[in-house]
Amino acid sequence: MCKNSEPWVFTLPEDFSWDSGFTVPGEWEFRDKTGAVRLILRRSGRITVTRRYAWDGCSPKVCVFDILLGTPDGVVDSTTKQPKTYYASLVHDALYQFLLDGLPLKRWQADRCLLRLMAETGFAPRYVYWAAVRLFGWLFVAQHRLKRRNRGTKHALAARL
């Protein structure tokens, strides 16, 4: 294990919204153990991950003697100045975090979001990454819960939003 290191690789500096193409019944926000809203789903399928959300990029990753080993996040995209999987792993991690907390999307839909966002950046091995999450993603739903040490909570959005 690595000592005196951050538990997360990335922290989102501002809200990120993306249209998933999946409609959902109602409008929902999901809160972490501190009560902070981390994920918002609109009826239209618009997904918003809120500022300060932290995640580890593409999983799995393990720290050995202060070296981070695991799934690469890809080269830096010339447009976003982030690794090509940055937004794909962000949305996928946030959706997986709340899958067991009443998220109105299925795991296959979260995995499809990952694939579509990787396609938007032209990430070449996207089908390899997508196949890996389709085969092994169910293992990481429980891991996310353990790593974050909490259950999230689901709340209906007020009509004013």
N, C-alpha and C. Protein backbone atom coordinates (compact mmCIF):
# COMPACT_ATOMS: atom_id res chain seq x y z
N MET A 1 0.83 -1.20 0.00
CA MET A 1 0.00 0.00 0.00
C MET A 1 0.87 1.25 0.00
N CYS A 2 0.28 2.34 -0.41
CA CYS A 2 0.97 3.62 -0.43
C CYS A 2 0.54 4.45 0.77
N LYS A 3 1.50 5.02 1.44
CA LYS A 3 1.20 5.85 2.60
C LYS A 3 1.22 7.32 2.20
N ASN A 4 0.43 8.12 2.90
CA ASN A 4 0.38 9.56 2.68
C ASN A 4 0.04 9.92 1.24
N SER A 5 -0.88 9.19 0.66
CA SER A 5 -1.30 9.50 -0.71
C SER A 5 -2.81 9.73 -0.73
N GLU A 6 -3.25 10.44 -1.73
CA GLU A 6 -4.67 10.70 -1.90
C GLU A 6 -5.37 9.41 -2.30
N PRO A 7 -6.61 9.19 -1.80
CA PRO A 7 -7.32 7.96 -2.17
C PRO A 7 -7.87 8.00 -3.60
N TRP A 8 -7.95 9.20 -4.19
CA TRP A 8 -8.54 9.33 -5.52
C TRP A 8 -7.53 9.95 -6.48
N VAL A 9 -7.60 9.58 -7.73
CA VAL A 9 -6.70 10.09 -8.75
C VAL A 9 -7.17 11.45 -9.26
N PHE A 10 -8.48 11.60 -9.43
CA PHE A 10 -9.05 12.83 -9.99
C PHE A 10 -10.08 13.44 -9.05
N THR A 11 -10.21 14.77 -9.10
CA THR A 11 -11.29 15.49 -8.43
C THR A 11 -11.86 16.47 -9.45
N LEU A 12 -13.16 16.41 -9.68
CA LEU A 12 -13.82 17.23 -10.70
C LEU A 12 -13.84 18.70 -10.28
N PRO A 13 -13.27 19.61 -11.08
CA PRO A 13 -13.21 21.02 -10.69
C PRO A 13 -14.53 21.77 -10.86
N GLU A 14 -15.40 21.29 -11.73
CA GLU A 14 -16.71 21.93 -11.94
C GLU A 14 -17.71 20.86 -12.39
N ASP A 15 -19.00 21.17 -12.27
CA ASP A 15 -20.03 20.22 -12.68
C ASP A 15 -19.79 19.77 -14.12
N PHE A 16 -20.09 18.49 -14.37
CA PHE A 16 -20.02 17.96 -15.73
C PHE A 16 -21.38 17.37 -16.06
N SER A 17 -21.98 17.80 -17.17
CA SER A 17 -23.28 17.29 -17.61
C SER A 17 -23.14 16.68 -18.99
N TRP A 18 -23.94 15.63 -19.21
CA TRP A 18 -23.89 14.90 -20.47
C TRP A 18 -25.24 14.24 -20.71
N ASP A 19 -25.69 14.24 -21.96
CA ASP A 19 -26.96 13.61 -22.32
C ASP A 19 -26.73 12.15 -22.66
N SER A 20 -27.28 11.27 -21.81
CA SER A 20 -27.05 9.83 -21.95
C SER A 20 -27.88 9.18 -23.05
N GLY A 21 -29.02 9.79 -23.36
CA GLY A 21 -29.93 9.17 -24.32
C GLY A 21 -30.90 8.20 -23.68
N PHE A 22 -30.77 7.95 -22.37
CA PHE A 22 -31.68 7.08 -21.64
C PHE A 22 -32.66 7.93 -20.84
N THR A 23 -33.94 7.77 -21.10
CA THR A 23 -34.92 8.50 -20.29
C THR A 23 -35.14 7.76 -18.99
N VAL A 24 -35.42 8.51 -17.94
CA VAL A 24 -35.64 7.91 -16.62
C VAL A 24 -36.96 8.42 -16.05
N PRO A 25 -37.60 7.60 -15.21
CA PRO A 25 -38.84 8.04 -14.57
C PRO A 25 -38.52 9.02 -13.44
N GLY A 26 -38.93 10.24 -13.59
CA GLY A 26 -38.69 11.23 -12.54
C GLY A 26 -37.32 11.88 -12.68
N GLU A 27 -37.04 12.75 -11.72
CA GLU A 27 -35.76 13.45 -11.67
C GLU A 27 -35.18 13.22 -10.29
N TRP A 28 -33.90 12.88 -10.25
CA TRP A 28 -33.31 12.39 -9.01
C TRP A 28 -31.96 13.00 -8.72
N GLU A 29 -31.67 13.13 -7.43
CA GLU A 29 -30.32 13.49 -7.01
C GLU A 29 -29.84 12.42 -6.03
N PHE A 30 -28.57 12.16 -6.05
CA PHE A 30 -27.97 11.15 -5.19
C PHE A 30 -26.91 11.83 -4.34
N ARG A 31 -26.97 11.55 -3.04
CA ARG A 31 -26.06 12.18 -2.08
C ARG A 31 -25.09 11.15 -1.50
N ASP A 32 -23.90 11.62 -1.18
CA ASP A 32 -22.93 10.75 -0.53
C ASP A 32 -23.13 10.77 0.98
N LYS A 33 -22.24 10.15 1.72
CA LYS A 33 -22.41 10.04 3.17
C LYS A 33 -22.35 11.38 3.90
N THR A 34 -21.77 12.40 3.26
CA THR A 34 -21.71 13.72 3.89
C THR A 34 -22.98 14.53 3.62
N GLY A 35 -23.84 14.00 2.75
CA GLY A 35 -25.05 14.71 2.37
C GLY A 35 -24.86 15.56 1.12
N ALA A 36 -23.65 15.59 0.57
CA ALA A 36 -23.39 16.37 -0.64
C ALA A 36 -24.00 15.68 -1.86
N VAL A 37 -24.66 16.46 -2.70
CA VAL A 37 -25.21 15.93 -3.94
C VAL A 37 -24.04 15.64 -4.87
N ARG A 38 -23.96 14.41 -5.35
CA ARG A 38 -22.86 14.00 -6.22
C ARG A 38 -23.31 13.66 -7.64
N LEU A 39 -24.60 13.31 -7.79
CA LEU A 39 -25.10 12.88 -9.09
C LEU A 39 -26.54 13.35 -9.24
N ILE A 40 -26.86 13.91 -10.40
CA ILE A 40 -28.22 14.35 -10.70
C ILE A 40 -28.63 13.69 -12.01
N LEU A 41 -29.82 13.08 -12.01
CA LEU A 41 -30.38 12.48 -13.23
C LEU A 41 -31.67 13.19 -13.57
N ARG A 42 -31.75 13.68 -14.78
CA ARG A 42 -32.96 14.33 -15.28
C ARG A 42 -33.80 13.32 -16.07
N ARG A 43 -35.08 13.57 -16.12
CA ARG A 43 -36.01 12.71 -16.86
C ARG A 43 -35.53 12.51 -18.31
N SER A 44 -34.96 13.54 -18.89
CA SER A 44 -34.48 13.49 -20.28
C SER A 44 -33.28 12.56 -20.47
N GLY A 45 -32.67 12.13 -19.36
CA GLY A 45 -31.48 11.30 -19.43
C GLY A 45 -30.20 12.10 -19.24
N ARG A 46 -30.36 13.40 -18.99
CA ARG A 46 -29.17 14.23 -18.74
C ARG A 46 -28.58 13.85 -17.38
N ILE A 47 -27.29 13.56 -17.39
CA ILE A 47 -26.56 13.17 -16.19
C ILE A 47 -25.63 14.31 -15.81
N THR A 48 -25.68 14.71 -14.55
CA THR A 48 -24.75 15.71 -14.05
C THR A 48 -23.99 15.12 -12.86
N VAL A 49 -22.68 15.14 -12.96
CA VAL A 49 -21.82 14.77 -11.84
C VAL A 49 -21.32 16.10 -11.28
N THR A 50 -21.46 16.28 -9.98
CA THR A 50 -21.20 17.59 -9.40
C THR A 50 -19.73 17.83 -9.05
N ARG A 51 -19.42 19.09 -9.00
CA ARG A 51 -18.09 19.59 -8.65
C ARG A 51 -17.60 18.95 -7.35
N ARG A 52 -16.34 18.65 -7.32
CA ARG A 52 -15.64 18.02 -6.18
C ARG A 52 -15.86 16.51 -6.09
N TYR A 53 -16.58 15.92 -7.06
CA TYR A 53 -16.67 14.47 -7.08
C TYR A 53 -15.25 13.93 -7.31
N ALA A 54 -14.87 12.92 -6.56
CA ALA A 54 -13.52 12.34 -6.68
C ALA A 54 -13.64 10.87 -7.09
N TRP A 55 -12.74 10.42 -7.96
CA TRP A 55 -12.77 9.04 -8.44
C TRP A 55 -11.36 8.62 -8.85
N ASP A 56 -11.22 7.33 -9.12
CA ASP A 56 -9.89 6.78 -9.39
C ASP A 56 -9.59 6.53 -10.86
N GLY A 57 -10.38 7.10 -11.75
CA GLY A 57 -10.16 6.86 -13.18
C GLY A 57 -10.58 5.44 -13.53
N CYS A 58 -9.98 4.89 -14.56
CA CYS A 58 -10.32 3.52 -14.96
C CYS A 58 -9.82 2.53 -13.92
N SER A 59 -10.67 1.58 -13.58
CA SER A 59 -10.34 0.58 -12.56
C SER A 59 -10.04 -0.75 -13.26
N PRO A 60 -9.33 -1.63 -12.60
CA PRO A 60 -8.78 -1.52 -11.25
C PRO A 60 -7.43 -0.83 -11.25
N LYS A 61 -7.11 -0.25 -10.10
CA LYS A 61 -5.81 0.34 -9.84
C LYS A 61 -5.37 -0.09 -8.45
N VAL A 62 -4.08 -0.27 -8.29
CA VAL A 62 -3.53 -0.62 -6.99
C VAL A 62 -2.20 0.13 -6.84
N CYS A 63 -1.94 0.57 -5.64
CA CYS A 63 -0.70 1.29 -5.36
C CYS A 63 0.29 0.34 -4.70
N VAL A 64 1.48 0.23 -5.31
CA VAL A 64 2.53 -0.64 -4.78
C VAL A 64 3.81 0.19 -4.68
N PHE A 65 4.30 0.36 -3.46
CA PHE A 65 5.52 1.13 -3.24
C PHE A 65 5.48 2.48 -3.95
N ASP A 66 4.37 3.19 -3.77
CA ASP A 66 4.17 4.53 -4.33
C ASP A 66 4.11 4.58 -5.86
N ILE A 67 3.87 3.45 -6.48
CA ILE A 67 3.65 3.40 -7.93
C ILE A 67 2.23 2.92 -8.16
N LEU A 68 1.47 3.68 -8.94
CA LEU A 68 0.09 3.33 -9.23
C LEU A 68 0.06 2.39 -10.43
N LEU A 69 -0.39 1.17 -10.20
CA LEU A 69 -0.48 0.16 -11.25
C LEU A 69 -1.94 -0.12 -11.56
N GLY A 70 -2.23 -0.43 -12.81
CA GLY A 70 -3.59 -0.79 -13.16
C GLY A 70 -3.96 -0.33 -14.55
N THR A 71 -5.25 -0.18 -14.75
CA THR A 71 -5.78 0.17 -16.05
C THR A 71 -5.39 1.59 -16.44
N PRO A 72 -4.74 1.77 -17.59
CA PRO A 72 -4.36 3.12 -18.03
C PRO A 72 -5.58 3.97 -18.38
N ASP A 73 -5.47 5.27 -18.14
CA ASP A 73 -6.55 6.20 -18.45
C ASP A 73 -6.44 6.78 -19.86
N GLY A 74 -5.42 6.40 -20.58
CA GLY A 74 -5.28 6.85 -21.96
C GLY A 74 -4.43 8.11 -22.09
N VAL A 75 -4.12 8.44 -23.32
CA VAL A 75 -3.34 9.65 -23.59
C VAL A 75 -4.19 10.88 -23.32
N VAL A 76 -3.54 12.02 -23.22
CA VAL A 76 -4.25 13.28 -22.98
C VAL A 76 -4.92 13.73 -24.27
N ASP A 77 -6.21 14.01 -24.18
CA ASP A 77 -6.99 14.49 -25.32
C ASP A 77 -6.60 15.94 -25.62
N SER A 78 -6.40 16.26 -26.89
CA SER A 78 -5.95 17.60 -27.27
C SER A 78 -7.01 18.67 -27.02
N THR A 79 -8.27 18.28 -26.98
CA THR A 79 -9.35 19.24 -26.76
C THR A 79 -9.60 19.49 -25.28
N THR A 80 -9.75 18.43 -24.50
CA THR A 80 -10.11 18.57 -23.09
C THR A 80 -8.90 18.74 -22.17
N LYS A 81 -7.71 18.36 -22.67
CA LYS A 81 -6.48 18.38 -21.86
C LYS A 81 -6.56 17.42 -20.67
N GLN A 82 -7.39 16.40 -20.80
CA GLN A 82 -7.54 15.35 -19.80
C GLN A 82 -7.29 14.01 -20.49
N PRO A 83 -7.01 12.94 -19.72
CA PRO A 83 -6.91 11.62 -20.36
C PRO A 83 -8.20 11.32 -21.13
N LYS A 84 -8.07 10.57 -22.20
CA LYS A 84 -9.23 10.31 -23.06
C LYS A 84 -10.37 9.60 -22.34
N THR A 85 -10.09 8.90 -21.27
CA THR A 85 -11.16 8.21 -20.53
C THR A 85 -11.68 9.01 -19.34
N TYR A 86 -11.20 10.23 -19.16
CA TYR A 86 -11.52 11.05 -17.99
C TYR A 86 -13.03 11.16 -17.74
N TYR A 87 -13.77 11.68 -18.72
CA TYR A 87 -15.22 11.87 -18.53
C TYR A 87 -15.97 10.55 -18.55
N ALA A 88 -15.50 9.60 -19.34
CA ALA A 88 -16.14 8.28 -19.37
C ALA A 88 -16.03 7.59 -18.02
N SER A 89 -14.83 7.60 -17.43
CA SER A 89 -14.65 6.96 -16.12
C SER A 89 -15.37 7.74 -15.03
N LEU A 90 -15.44 9.06 -15.16
CA LEU A 90 -16.17 9.90 -14.19
C LEU A 90 -17.63 9.49 -14.12
N VAL A 91 -18.31 9.52 -15.26
CA VAL A 91 -19.74 9.20 -15.30
C VAL A 91 -19.96 7.75 -14.88
N HIS A 92 -19.15 6.84 -15.39
CA HIS A 92 -19.30 5.43 -15.07
C HIS A 92 -19.13 5.18 -13.57
N ASP A 93 -18.10 5.77 -12.96
CA ASP A 93 -17.88 5.59 -11.52
C ASP A 93 -19.05 6.16 -10.71
N ALA A 94 -19.53 7.34 -11.09
CA ALA A 94 -20.65 7.94 -10.35
C ALA A 94 -21.90 7.08 -10.47
N LEU A 95 -22.18 6.57 -11.66
CA LEU A 95 -23.35 5.70 -11.83
C LEU A 95 -23.19 4.41 -11.04
N TYR A 96 -22.02 3.79 -11.11
CA TYR A 96 -21.78 2.56 -10.35
C TYR A 96 -21.89 2.81 -8.85
N GLN A 97 -21.43 3.97 -8.38
CA GLN A 97 -21.50 4.27 -6.95
C GLN A 97 -22.92 4.18 -6.43
N PHE A 98 -23.89 4.60 -7.24
CA PHE A 98 -25.26 4.66 -6.77
C PHE A 98 -26.17 3.57 -7.34
N LEU A 99 -25.60 2.57 -8.03
CA LEU A 99 -26.41 1.47 -8.58
C LEU A 99 -27.25 0.77 -7.52
N LEU A 100 -26.69 0.58 -6.34
CA LEU A 100 -27.40 -0.14 -5.27
C LEU A 100 -28.27 0.78 -4.42
N ASP A 101 -28.34 2.05 -4.79
CA ASP A 101 -29.09 3.03 -4.01
C ASP A 101 -30.32 3.55 -4.75
N GLY A 102 -30.83 2.76 -5.68
CA GLY A 102 -32.05 3.14 -6.38
C GLY A 102 -31.83 3.89 -7.67
N LEU A 103 -30.63 3.84 -8.22
CA LEU A 103 -30.36 4.48 -9.51
C LEU A 103 -31.34 3.93 -10.54
N PRO A 104 -32.07 4.80 -11.25
CA PRO A 104 -33.06 4.30 -12.21
C PRO A 104 -32.46 3.88 -13.56
N LEU A 105 -31.20 3.50 -13.56
CA LEU A 105 -30.55 2.93 -14.73
C LEU A 105 -29.99 1.57 -14.35
N LYS A 106 -29.86 0.71 -15.31
CA LYS A 106 -29.29 -0.62 -15.09
C LYS A 106 -27.77 -0.57 -15.33
N ARG A 107 -27.09 -1.61 -14.87
CA ARG A 107 -25.64 -1.67 -15.05
C ARG A 107 -25.25 -1.60 -16.52
N TRP A 108 -26.00 -2.29 -17.39
CA TRP A 108 -25.67 -2.27 -18.81
C TRP A 108 -25.76 -0.86 -19.38
N GLN A 109 -26.68 -0.05 -18.83
CA GLN A 109 -26.82 1.33 -19.30
C GLN A 109 -25.62 2.17 -18.84
N ALA A 110 -25.17 1.95 -17.61
CA ALA A 110 -23.97 2.64 -17.12
C ALA A 110 -22.77 2.27 -18.00
N ASP A 111 -22.68 0.99 -18.34
CA ASP A 111 -21.59 0.52 -19.19
C ASP A 111 -21.69 1.11 -20.60
N ARG A 112 -22.89 1.28 -21.09
CA ARG A 112 -23.08 1.90 -22.41
C ARG A 112 -22.65 3.37 -22.38
N CYS A 113 -22.92 4.05 -21.27
CA CYS A 113 -22.46 5.44 -21.12
C CYS A 113 -20.93 5.50 -21.22
N LEU A 114 -20.26 4.56 -20.57
CA LEU A 114 -18.80 4.49 -20.63
C LEU A 114 -18.35 4.36 -22.08
N LEU A 115 -18.94 3.44 -22.82
CA LEU A 115 -18.57 3.21 -24.21
C LEU A 115 -18.81 4.45 -25.06
N ARG A 116 -19.96 5.08 -24.91
CA ARG A 116 -20.29 6.26 -25.72
C ARG A 116 -19.36 7.43 -25.43
N LEU A 117 -19.04 7.65 -24.16
CA LEU A 117 -18.14 8.75 -23.82
C LEU A 117 -16.71 8.48 -24.31
N MET A 118 -16.28 7.23 -24.27
CA MET A 118 -14.95 6.91 -24.82
C MET A 118 -14.95 7.10 -26.34
N ALA A 119 -16.07 6.78 -26.99
CA ALA A 119 -16.17 6.97 -28.44
C ALA A 119 -16.09 8.45 -28.79
N GLU A 120 -16.68 9.31 -27.95
CA GLU A 120 -16.65 10.75 -28.22
C GLU A 120 -15.24 11.31 -28.24
N THR A 121 -14.32 10.71 -27.49
CA THR A 121 -12.93 11.18 -27.49
C THR A 121 -12.06 10.38 -28.46
N GLY A 122 -12.66 9.38 -29.12
CA GLY A 122 -11.90 8.57 -30.06
C GLY A 122 -10.92 7.63 -29.40
N PHE A 123 -11.23 7.19 -28.17
CA PHE A 123 -10.33 6.29 -27.45
C PHE A 123 -10.30 4.94 -28.16
N ALA A 124 -9.16 4.60 -28.75
CA ALA A 124 -9.04 3.43 -29.62
C ALA A 124 -9.44 2.10 -28.97
N PRO A 125 -8.95 1.76 -27.77
CA PRO A 125 -9.31 0.45 -27.20
C PRO A 125 -10.62 0.45 -26.41
N ARG A 126 -11.55 1.32 -26.79
CA ARG A 126 -12.80 1.45 -26.01
C ARG A 126 -13.58 0.14 -25.92
N TYR A 127 -13.57 -0.67 -26.97
CA TYR A 127 -14.33 -1.93 -26.92
C TYR A 127 -13.69 -2.94 -25.97
N VAL A 128 -12.38 -2.88 -25.81
CA VAL A 128 -11.69 -3.74 -24.84
C VAL A 128 -12.11 -3.33 -23.43
N TYR A 129 -12.09 -2.02 -23.15
CA TYR A 129 -12.48 -1.52 -21.83
C TYR A 129 -13.96 -1.84 -21.56
N TRP A 130 -14.79 -1.63 -22.58
CA TRP A 130 -16.23 -1.88 -22.42
C TRP A 130 -16.48 -3.37 -22.15
N ALA A 131 -15.80 -4.26 -22.90
CA ALA A 131 -15.96 -5.70 -22.68
C ALA A 131 -15.53 -6.09 -21.27
N ALA A 132 -14.47 -5.47 -20.78
CA ALA A 132 -14.00 -5.77 -19.42
C ALA A 132 -15.04 -5.38 -18.38
N VAL A 133 -15.67 -4.21 -18.53
CA VAL A 133 -16.69 -3.82 -17.54
C VAL A 133 -17.95 -4.66 -17.69
N ARG A 134 -18.26 -5.09 -18.89
CA ARG A 134 -19.43 -5.96 -19.06
C ARG A 134 -19.19 -7.31 -18.37
N LEU A 135 -17.98 -7.83 -18.48
CA LEU A 135 -17.66 -9.12 -17.87
C LEU A 135 -17.43 -9.04 -16.37
N PHE A 136 -16.76 -8.00 -15.92
CA PHE A 136 -16.32 -7.95 -14.52
C PHE A 136 -16.87 -6.79 -13.71
N GLY A 137 -17.66 -5.93 -14.32
CA GLY A 137 -18.16 -4.74 -13.63
C GLY A 137 -18.95 -5.03 -12.38
N TRP A 138 -19.67 -6.14 -12.35
CA TRP A 138 -20.49 -6.47 -11.18
C TRP A 138 -19.61 -6.62 -9.94
N LEU A 139 -18.35 -7.04 -10.12
CA LEU A 139 -17.44 -7.16 -8.97
C LEU A 139 -17.13 -5.80 -8.36
N PHE A 140 -17.13 -4.77 -9.19
CA PHE A 140 -16.73 -3.45 -8.73
C PHE A 140 -17.86 -2.66 -8.11
N VAL A 141 -19.10 -3.08 -8.31
CA VAL A 141 -20.21 -2.40 -7.63
C VAL A 141 -20.01 -2.51 -6.13
N ALA A 142 -19.71 -3.70 -5.65
CA ALA A 142 -19.47 -3.90 -4.22
C ALA A 142 -18.18 -3.21 -3.78
N GLN A 143 -17.15 -3.24 -4.63
CA GLN A 143 -15.88 -2.60 -4.29
C GLN A 143 -16.06 -1.09 -4.11
N HIS A 144 -16.85 -0.47 -4.98
CA HIS A 144 -17.11 0.97 -4.86
C HIS A 144 -17.71 1.28 -3.50
N ARG A 145 -18.66 0.46 -3.09
CA ARG A 145 -19.32 0.69 -1.80
C ARG A 145 -18.31 0.58 -0.66
N LEU A 146 -17.46 -0.43 -0.71
CA LEU A 146 -16.47 -0.61 0.34
C LEU A 146 -15.44 0.52 0.35
N LYS A 147 -14.97 0.91 -0.83
CA LYS A 147 -13.95 1.95 -0.90
C LYS A 147 -14.49 3.29 -0.40
N ARG A 148 -15.74 3.58 -0.71
CA ARG A 148 -16.32 4.85 -0.28
C ARG A 148 -16.90 4.77 1.14
N ARG A 149 -16.97 3.56 1.69
CA ARG A 149 -17.42 3.32 3.06
C ARG A 149 -18.81 3.91 3.34
N ASN A 150 -19.69 3.76 2.40
CA ASN A 150 -21.03 4.27 2.65
C ASN A 150 -22.04 3.76 1.64
N ARG A 151 -23.26 3.96 2.01
CA ARG A 151 -24.36 3.86 1.07
C ARG A 151 -24.74 5.28 0.72
N GLY A 152 -25.11 5.48 -0.50
CA GLY A 152 -25.61 6.79 -0.90
C GLY A 152 -27.10 6.85 -0.63
N THR A 153 -27.68 8.00 -0.86
CA THR A 153 -29.12 8.15 -0.69
C THR A 153 -29.71 8.79 -1.94
N LYS A 154 -30.93 8.39 -2.25
CA LYS A 154 -31.64 8.86 -3.44
C LYS A 154 -32.73 9.82 -3.00
N HIS A 155 -32.88 10.95 -3.70
CA HIS A 155 -33.90 11.94 -3.38
C HIS A 155 -34.54 12.44 -4.66
N ALA A 156 -35.86 12.59 -4.63
CA ALA A 156 -36.55 13.17 -5.78
C ALA A 156 -36.23 14.66 -5.83
N LEU A 157 -36.01 15.18 -7.02
CA LEU A 157 -35.76 16.61 -7.16
C LEU A 157 -37.07 17.36 -7.02
N ALA A 158 -37.00 18.53 -6.43
CA ALA A 158 -38.18 19.38 -6.26
C ALA A 158 -38.64 19.86 -7.63
N ALA A 159 -39.92 20.14 -7.74
CA ALA A 159 -40.50 20.57 -9.01
C ALA A 159 -39.85 21.85 -9.53
N ARG A 160 -39.31 22.69 -8.65
CA ARG A 160 -38.70 23.95 -9.07
C ARG A 160 -37.45 23.74 -9.92
N LEU A 161 -36.83 22.57 -9.81
CA LEU A 161 -35.62 22.32 -10.60
C LEU A 161 -36.05 21.84 -11.95
